[in-house]
Amino acid sequence: MMKPLPRVGRKPLRLVTGITLIAGSIVASYLVLDARGETRSVMVATGEMPAGAPVSAEDTTALAMPISAALEGYLTDQDWVEVSEMILVRKIEAGELLARRDFIEPTLRDDSVIAVSLQIGEPEWLQVGTLVEVWVAPPASENSFSAPFILSPEAVIERVSQEEGFAADGAASMVDIRVPVRDVPGLIHALANRYFLHLTPKAPSL
């Protein structure tokens, strides 16, 4: 008497069939949309752009893509007018889609550049163009400071230089920051009176 053949391969077969059906539906949807011409133009960066930089029409290109919920929130060619005079809140890589949350109003038109010394090493965000908050803490005694507060909520790193030479420890940096003119007196007062000073990268607006 012959033994029945073992029942194998049903689960893998079902899995492959399911993936095939899903892939087929995506392709079919794309073909239907493409055949109907239902597309939308999204703005794409043509090159790398640093945080804090303005974006011109030459820095972007419009790419026609099939309408999809995944594209909601990204800028279209019609939306470009709204952000054409704004600046970036983060670094943008070439080929990246641009979203409204990547831009903020340029509130630093009337500003000054001040050099500050930091002992924070070389974090990734410490680079030209990064938007930062300037925190300061008044001295409370010889070796302690009062509670810190934000002196300037919106500054931009203009230049970064590391200490060099035999005595350099790699932790010290001289940083030029561009701050609104309204915050300059407070920053000069803080530096003159040996306040503790620290920069933190500004989180992008959602």
C-alpha atoms as a PDB file:
ATOM      1  CA  MET A   1       0.000   0.000   0.000  1.00  0.00           C
ATOM      2  CA  MET A   2       1.429   3.378  -1.057  1.00  0.00           C
ATOM      3  CA  LYS A   3       1.812   6.058   1.600  1.00  0.00           C
ATOM      4  CA  PRO A   4       0.225   9.428   0.824  1.00  0.00           C
ATOM      5  CA  LEU A   5       2.694  12.096  -0.224  1.00  0.00           C
ATOM      6  CA  PRO A   6       3.572  14.575   2.571  1.00  0.00           C
ATOM      7  CA  ARG A   7       1.700  17.889   2.357  1.00  0.00           C
ATOM      8  CA  VAL A   8       4.449  20.477   2.124  1.00  0.00           C
ATOM      9  CA  GLY A   9       4.884  23.849   0.529  1.00  0.00           C
ATOM     10  CA  ARG A  10       1.374  25.197   1.116  1.00  0.00           C
ATOM     11  CA  LYS A  11       2.395  28.083   3.420  1.00  0.00           C
ATOM     12  CA  PRO A  12       5.265  29.245   1.205  1.00  0.00           C
ATOM     13  CA  LEU A  13       2.965  28.936  -1.806  1.00  0.00           C
ATOM     14  CA  ARG A  14       0.292  31.036  -0.100  1.00  0.00           C
ATOM     15  CA  LEU A  15       2.905  33.648   0.905  1.00  0.00           C
ATOM     16  CA  VAL A  16       4.282  33.899  -2.622  1.00  0.00           C
ATOM     17  CA  THR A  17       0.760  34.099  -4.029  1.00  0.00           C
ATOM     18  CA  GLY A  18      -0.134  36.900  -1.601  1.00  0.00           C
ATOM     19  CA  ILE A  19       2.965  38.938  -2.428  1.00  0.00           C
ATOM     20  CA  THR A  20       2.309  38.427  -6.141  1.00  0.00           C
ATOM     21  CA  LEU A  21      -1.273  39.663  -5.780  1.00  0.00           C
ATOM     22  CA  ILE A  22      -0.189  42.752  -3.806  1.00  0.00           C
ATOM     23  CA  ALA A  23       2.567  43.581  -6.277  1.00  0.00           C
ATOM     24  CA  GLY A  24       0.147  43.062  -9.143  1.00  0.00           C
ATOM     25  CA  SER A  25      -2.407  45.430  -7.606  1.00  0.00           C
ATOM     26  CA  ILE A  26       0.229  48.149  -7.107  1.00  0.00           C
ATOM     27  CA  VAL A  27       1.401  47.833 -10.710  1.00  0.00           C
ATOM     28  CA  ALA A  28      -2.179  47.814 -11.945  1.00  0.00           C
ATOM     29  CA  SER A  29      -2.992  50.947  -9.950  1.00  0.00           C
ATOM     30  CA  TYR A  30       0.074  52.682 -11.348  1.00  0.00           C
ATOM     31  CA  LEU A  31      -0.890  51.747 -14.915  1.00  0.00           C
ATOM     32  CA  VAL A  32      -4.460  52.940 -14.416  1.00  0.00           C
ATOM     33  CA  LEU A  33      -3.328  56.261 -12.956  1.00  0.00           C
ATOM     34  CA  ASP A  34      -0.711  56.671 -15.639  1.00  0.00           C
ATOM     35  CA  ALA A  35      -3.232  55.871 -18.369  1.00  0.00           C
ATOM     36  CA  ARG A  36      -5.652  58.458 -16.977  1.00  0.00           C
ATOM     37  CA  GLY A  37      -2.888  61.010 -16.549  1.00  0.00           C
ATOM     38  CA  GLU A  38      -3.695  61.391 -12.820  1.00  0.00           C
ATOM     39  CA  THR A  39      -0.341  62.613 -11.564  1.00  0.00           C
ATOM     40  CA  ARG A  40       0.946  65.403  -9.346  1.00  0.00           C
ATOM     41  CA  SER A  41       4.195  67.355  -9.542  1.00  0.00           C
ATOM     42  CA  VAL A  42       6.367  67.235  -6.404  1.00  0.00           C
ATOM     43  CA  MET A  43       9.433  69.367  -5.761  1.00  0.00           C
ATOM     44  CA  VAL A  44      12.769  67.542  -5.553  1.00  0.00           C
ATOM     45  CA  ALA A  45      16.166  68.930  -4.504  1.00  0.00           C
ATOM     46  CA  THR A  46      18.675  68.872  -7.367  1.00  0.00           C
ATOM     47  CA  GLY A  47      21.662  69.121  -5.007  1.00  0.00           C
ATOM     48  CA  GLU A  48      22.698  69.160  -1.357  1.00  0.00           C
ATOM     49  CA  MET A  49      21.495  72.206   0.607  1.00  0.00           C
ATOM     50  CA  PRO A  50      22.536  73.164   4.187  1.00  0.00           C
ATOM     51  CA  ALA A  51      20.192  74.141   6.993  1.00  0.00           C
ATOM     52  CA  GLY A  52      19.583  77.872   7.200  1.00  0.00           C
ATOM     53  CA  ALA A  53      19.983  78.375   3.450  1.00  0.00           C
ATOM     54  CA  PRO A  54      17.373  79.933   1.161  1.00  0.00           C
ATOM     55  CA  VAL A  55      16.203  77.751  -1.724  1.00  0.00           C
ATOM     56  CA  SER A  56      15.863  79.106  -5.244  1.00  0.00           C
ATOM     57  CA  ALA A  57      14.079  77.642  -8.251  1.00  0.00           C
ATOM     58  CA  GLU A  58      17.469  76.529  -9.618  1.00  0.00           C
ATOM     59  CA  ASP A  59      17.932  74.277  -6.545  1.00  0.00           C
ATOM     60  CA  THR A  60      14.817  72.227  -7.291  1.00  0.00           C
ATOM     61  CA  THR A  61      12.985  70.459 -10.061  1.00  0.00           C
ATOM     62  CA  ALA A  62       9.366  69.332 -10.451  1.00  0.00           C
ATOM     63  CA  LEU A  63       8.852  65.574 -10.782  1.00  0.00           C
ATOM     64  CA  ALA A  64       5.528  64.170 -12.033  1.00  0.00           C
ATOM     65  CA  MET A  65       4.418  61.173  -9.932  1.00  0.00           C
ATOM     66  CA  PRO A  66       1.187  59.128  -9.744  1.00  0.00           C
ATOM     67  CA  ILE A  67      -1.267  60.459  -7.148  1.00  0.00           C
ATOM     68  CA  SER A  68      -0.699  58.680  -3.825  1.00  0.00           C
ATOM     69  CA  ALA A  69      -1.503  59.250  -0.163  1.00  0.00           C
ATOM     70  CA  ALA A  70       2.214  58.790   0.523  1.00  0.00           C
ATOM     71  CA  LEU A  71       2.882  62.107  -1.228  1.00  0.00           C
ATOM     72  CA  GLU A  72       0.598  64.136   1.039  1.00  0.00           C
ATOM     73  CA  GLY A  73       2.572  66.873   2.793  1.00  0.00           C
ATOM     74  CA  TYR A  74       5.200  67.222   0.090  1.00  0.00           C
ATOM     75  CA  LEU A  75       5.424  70.431  -1.916  1.00  0.00           C
ATOM     76  CA  THR A  76       3.931  70.640  -5.386  1.00  0.00           C
ATOM     77  CA  ASP A  77       4.925  73.143  -8.030  1.00  0.00           C
ATOM     78  CA  GLN A  78       1.870  75.231  -7.028  1.00  0.00           C
ATOM     79  CA  ASP A  79       3.004  75.229  -3.373  1.00  0.00           C
ATOM     80  CA  TRP A  80       6.450  76.553  -4.267  1.00  0.00           C
ATOM     81  CA  VAL A  81       5.346  80.217  -4.078  1.00  0.00           C
ATOM     82  CA  GLU A  82       4.603  79.802  -0.340  1.00  0.00           C
ATOM     83  CA  VAL A  83       8.194  78.799   0.571  1.00  0.00           C
ATOM     84  CA  SER A  84      10.190  80.633  -2.085  1.00  0.00           C
ATOM     85  CA  GLU A  85      11.338  83.287   0.431  1.00  0.00           C
ATOM     86  CA  MET A  86      11.828  80.959   3.416  1.00  0.00           C
ATOM     87  CA  ILE A  87      14.935  79.120   4.677  1.00  0.00           C
ATOM     88  CA  LEU A  88      15.583  75.451   5.430  1.00  0.00           C
ATOM     89  CA  VAL A  89      15.405  74.091   8.973  1.00  0.00           C
ATOM     90  CA  ARG A  90      17.549  71.029   8.177  1.00  0.00           C
ATOM     91  CA  LYS A  91      20.094  69.748   5.709  1.00  0.00           C
ATOM     92  CA  ILE A  92      18.564  68.458   2.465  1.00  0.00           C
ATOM     93  CA  GLU A  93      20.221  65.773   0.353  1.00  0.00           C
ATOM     94  CA  ALA A  94      20.167  65.666  -3.455  1.00  0.00           C
ATOM     95  CA  GLY A  95      17.085  63.854  -4.764  1.00  0.00           C
ATOM     96  CA  GLU A  96      15.089  64.392  -1.554  1.00  0.00           C
ATOM     97  CA  LEU A  97      11.426  65.408  -1.727  1.00  0.00           C
ATOM     98  CA  LEU A  98      10.716  68.801  -0.153  1.00  0.00           C
ATOM     99  CA  ALA A  99       7.986  69.244   2.472  1.00  0.00           C
ATOM    100  CA  ARG A 100       6.456  72.392   3.979  1.00  0.00           C
ATOM    101  CA  ARG A 101       7.830  71.432   7.410  1.00  0.00           C
ATOM    102  CA  ASP A 102      11.372  71.751   6.015  1.00  0.00           C
ATOM    103  CA  PHE A 103      10.998  75.560   5.801  1.00  0.00           C
ATOM    104  CA  ILE A 104      10.638  78.436   8.271  1.00  0.00           C
ATOM    105  CA  GLU A 105      10.322  82.197   7.982  1.00  0.00           C
ATOM    106  CA  PRO A 106      13.732  83.939   7.758  1.00  0.00           C
ATOM    107  CA  THR A 107      13.602  86.003  10.943  1.00  0.00           C
ATOM    108  CA  LEU A 108      17.341  86.737  10.858  1.00  0.00           C
ATOM    109  CA  ARG A 109      17.458  89.515   8.266  1.00  0.00           C
ATOM    110  CA  ASP A 110      18.688  92.126  10.776  1.00  0.00           C
ATOM    111  CA  ASP A 111      21.446  90.312  12.642  1.00  0.00           C
ATOM    112  CA  SER A 112      25.065  90.267  13.832  1.00  0.00           C
ATOM    113  CA  VAL A 113      27.816  87.647  13.981  1.00  0.00           C
ATOM    114  CA  ILE A 114      29.471  86.943  17.347  1.00  0.00           C
ATOM    115  CA  ALA A 115      32.262  84.445  18.098  1.00  0.00           C
ATOM    116  CA  VAL A 116      31.874  82.121  21.086  1.00  0.00           C
ATOM    117  CA  SER A 117      34.119  79.410  22.500  1.00  0.00           C
ATOM    118  CA  LEU A 118      32.592  75.985  23.183  1.00  0.00           C
ATOM    119  CA  GLN A 119      33.903  72.854  24.888  1.00  0.00           C
ATOM    120  CA  ILE A 120      31.666  70.250  23.256  1.00  0.00           C
ATOM    121  CA  GLY A 121      33.950  68.344  20.884  1.00  0.00           C
ATOM    122  CA  GLU A 122      32.730  67.805  17.327  1.00  0.00           C
ATOM    123  CA  PRO A 123      29.054  66.727  17.339  1.00  0.00           C
ATOM    124  CA  GLU A 124      27.492  66.052  13.950  1.00  0.00           C
ATOM    125  CA  TRP A 125      25.217  69.098  14.107  1.00  0.00           C
ATOM    126  CA  LEU A 126      28.107  71.541  14.706  1.00  0.00           C
ATOM    127  CA  GLN A 127      28.411  72.710  11.111  1.00  0.00           C
ATOM    128  CA  VAL A 128      27.812  75.810   9.025  1.00  0.00           C
ATOM    129  CA  GLY A 129      24.121  76.526   8.409  1.00  0.00           C
ATOM    130  CA  THR A 130      22.691  74.676  11.429  1.00  0.00           C
ATOM    131  CA  LEU A 131      19.908  76.514  13.275  1.00  0.00           C
ATOM    132  CA  VAL A 132      20.596  76.546  17.019  1.00  0.00           C
ATOM    133  CA  GLU A 133      19.260  77.871  20.314  1.00  0.00           C
ATOM    134  CA  VAL A 134      21.695  79.850  22.492  1.00  0.00           C
ATOM    135  CA  TRP A 135      21.444  78.846  26.165  1.00  0.00           C
ATOM    136  CA  VAL A 136      23.162  80.771  28.965  1.00  0.00           C
ATOM    137  CA  ALA A 137      23.411  80.344  32.748  1.00  0.00           C
ATOM    138  CA  PRO A 138      24.555  83.169  35.085  1.00  0.00           C
ATOM    139  CA  PRO A 139      27.284  82.292  37.594  1.00  0.00           C
ATOM    140  CA  ALA A 140      25.864  81.643  41.074  1.00  0.00           C
ATOM    141  CA  SER A 141      29.162  81.130  42.908  1.00  0.00           C
ATOM    142  CA  GLU A 142      32.772  80.314  42.100  1.00  0.00           C
ATOM    143  CA  ASN A 143      32.060  76.829  40.746  1.00  0.00           C
ATOM    144  CA  SER A 144      28.317  76.790  40.061  1.00  0.00           C
ATOM    145  CA  PHE A 145      25.751  78.424  37.808  1.00  0.00           C
ATOM    146  CA  SER A 146      22.103  79.398  38.082  1.00  0.00           C
ATOM    147  CA  ALA A 147      19.366  77.747  36.040  1.00  0.00           C
ATOM    148  CA  PRO A 148      19.980  78.152  32.282  1.00  0.00           C
ATOM    149  CA  PHE A 149      17.599  79.945  29.948  1.00  0.00           C
ATOM    150  CA  ILE A 150      17.346  80.529  26.206  1.00  0.00           C
ATOM    151  CA  LEU A 151      18.915  83.867  25.346  1.00  0.00           C
ATOM    152  CA  SER A 152      18.422  83.564  21.581  1.00  0.00           C
ATOM    153  CA  PRO A 153      15.881  81.048  20.253  1.00  0.00           C
ATOM    154  CA  GLU A 154      16.977  81.275  16.630  1.00  0.00           C
ATOM    155  CA  ALA A 155      20.652  81.590  15.657  1.00  0.00           C
ATOM    156  CA  VAL A 156      22.640  80.195  12.733  1.00  0.00           C
ATOM    157  CA  ILE A 157      26.166  78.785  12.807  1.00  0.00           C
ATOM    158  CA  GLU A 158      28.282  80.897  10.462  1.00  0.00           C
ATOM    159  CA  ARG A 159      31.743  79.337  10.905  1.00  0.00           C
ATOM    160  CA  VAL A 160      33.409  76.593  12.974  1.00  0.00           C
ATOM    161  CA  SER A 161      37.126  76.286  13.698  1.00  0.00           C
ATOM    162  CA  GLN A 162      38.917  73.757  15.907  1.00  0.00           C
ATOM    163  CA  GLU A 163      41.847  74.558  18.163  1.00  0.00           C
ATOM    164  CA  GLU A 164      45.142  73.436  16.713  1.00  0.00           C
ATOM    165  CA  GLY A 165      48.592  72.916  18.110  1.00  0.00           C
ATOM    166  CA  PHE A 166      50.330  70.747  20.682  1.00  0.00           C
ATOM    167  CA  ALA A 167      47.986  71.690  23.550  1.00  0.00           C
ATOM    168  CA  ALA A 168      44.746  71.185  21.577  1.00  0.00           C
ATOM    169  CA  ASP A 169      42.482  68.538  23.136  1.00  0.00           C
ATOM    170  CA  GLY A 170      39.895  68.263  20.343  1.00  0.00           C
ATOM    171  CA  ALA A 171      37.064  69.442  22.601  1.00  0.00           C
ATOM    172  CA  ALA A 172      37.387  73.210  22.113  1.00  0.00           C
ATOM    173  CA  SER A 173      35.818  74.998  19.153  1.00  0.00           C
ATOM    174  CA  MET A 174      35.532  78.640  18.166  1.00  0.00           C
ATOM    175  CA  VAL A 175      32.086  79.148  16.643  1.00  0.00           C
ATOM    176  CA  ASP A 176      30.758  82.218  14.849  1.00  0.00           C
ATOM    177  CA  ILE A 177      27.003  82.457  15.324  1.00  0.00           C
ATOM    178  CA  ARG A 178      24.618  84.805  13.532  1.00  0.00           C
ATOM    179  CA  VAL A 179      21.993  86.112  15.960  1.00  0.00           C
ATOM    180  CA  PRO A 180      19.136  88.637  15.660  1.00  0.00           C
ATOM    181  CA  VAL A 181      20.255  92.144  16.596  1.00  0.00           C
ATOM    182  CA  ARG A 182      17.725  92.187  19.440  1.00  0.00           C
ATOM    183  CA  ASP A 183      19.704  89.402  21.182  1.00  0.00           C
ATOM    184  CA  VAL A 184      23.168  90.963  20.741  1.00  0.00           C
ATOM    185  CA  PRO A 185      23.212  93.092  23.962  1.00  0.00           C
ATOM    186  CA  GLY A 186      22.207  90.084  26.079  1.00  0.00           C
ATOM    187  CA  LEU A 187      24.817  87.838  24.455  1.00  0.00           C
ATOM    188  CA  ILE A 188      27.597  90.401  24.899  1.00  0.00           C
ATOM    189  CA  HIS A 189      26.562  90.832  28.555  1.00  0.00           C
ATOM    190  CA  ALA A 190      26.663  87.048  29.047  1.00  0.00           C
ATOM    191  CA  LEU A 191      30.139  86.737  27.516  1.00  0.00           C
ATOM    192  CA  ALA A 192      31.512  89.706  29.471  1.00  0.00           C
ATOM    193  CA  ASN A 193      30.220  88.298  32.766  1.00  0.00           C
ATOM    194  CA  ARG A 194      31.389  84.724  32.173  1.00  0.00           C
ATOM    195  CA  TYR A 195      27.982  83.104  31.845  1.00  0.00           C
ATOM    196  CA  PHE A 196      27.995  79.432  30.961  1.00  0.00           C
ATOM    197  CA  LEU A 197      27.027  79.262  27.270  1.00  0.00           C
ATOM    198  CA  HIS A 198      25.798  76.297  25.258  1.00  0.00           C
ATOM    199  CA  LEU A 199      24.267  75.721  21.823  1.00  0.00           C
ATOM    200  CA  THR A 200      21.606  73.143  21.024  1.00  0.00           C
ATOM    201  CA  PRO A 201      20.363  72.281  17.503  1.00  0.00           C
ATOM    202  CA  LYS A 202      16.873  73.592  16.840  1.00  0.00           C
ATOM    203  CA  ALA A 203      14.324  70.869  16.161  1.00  0.00           C
ATOM    204  CA  PRO A 204      12.465  71.155  12.827  1.00  0.00           C
ATOM    205  CA  SER A 205       8.884  72.439  12.996  1.00  0.00           C
ATOM    206  CA  LEU A 206       6.258  69.759  12.355  1.00  0.00           C
END
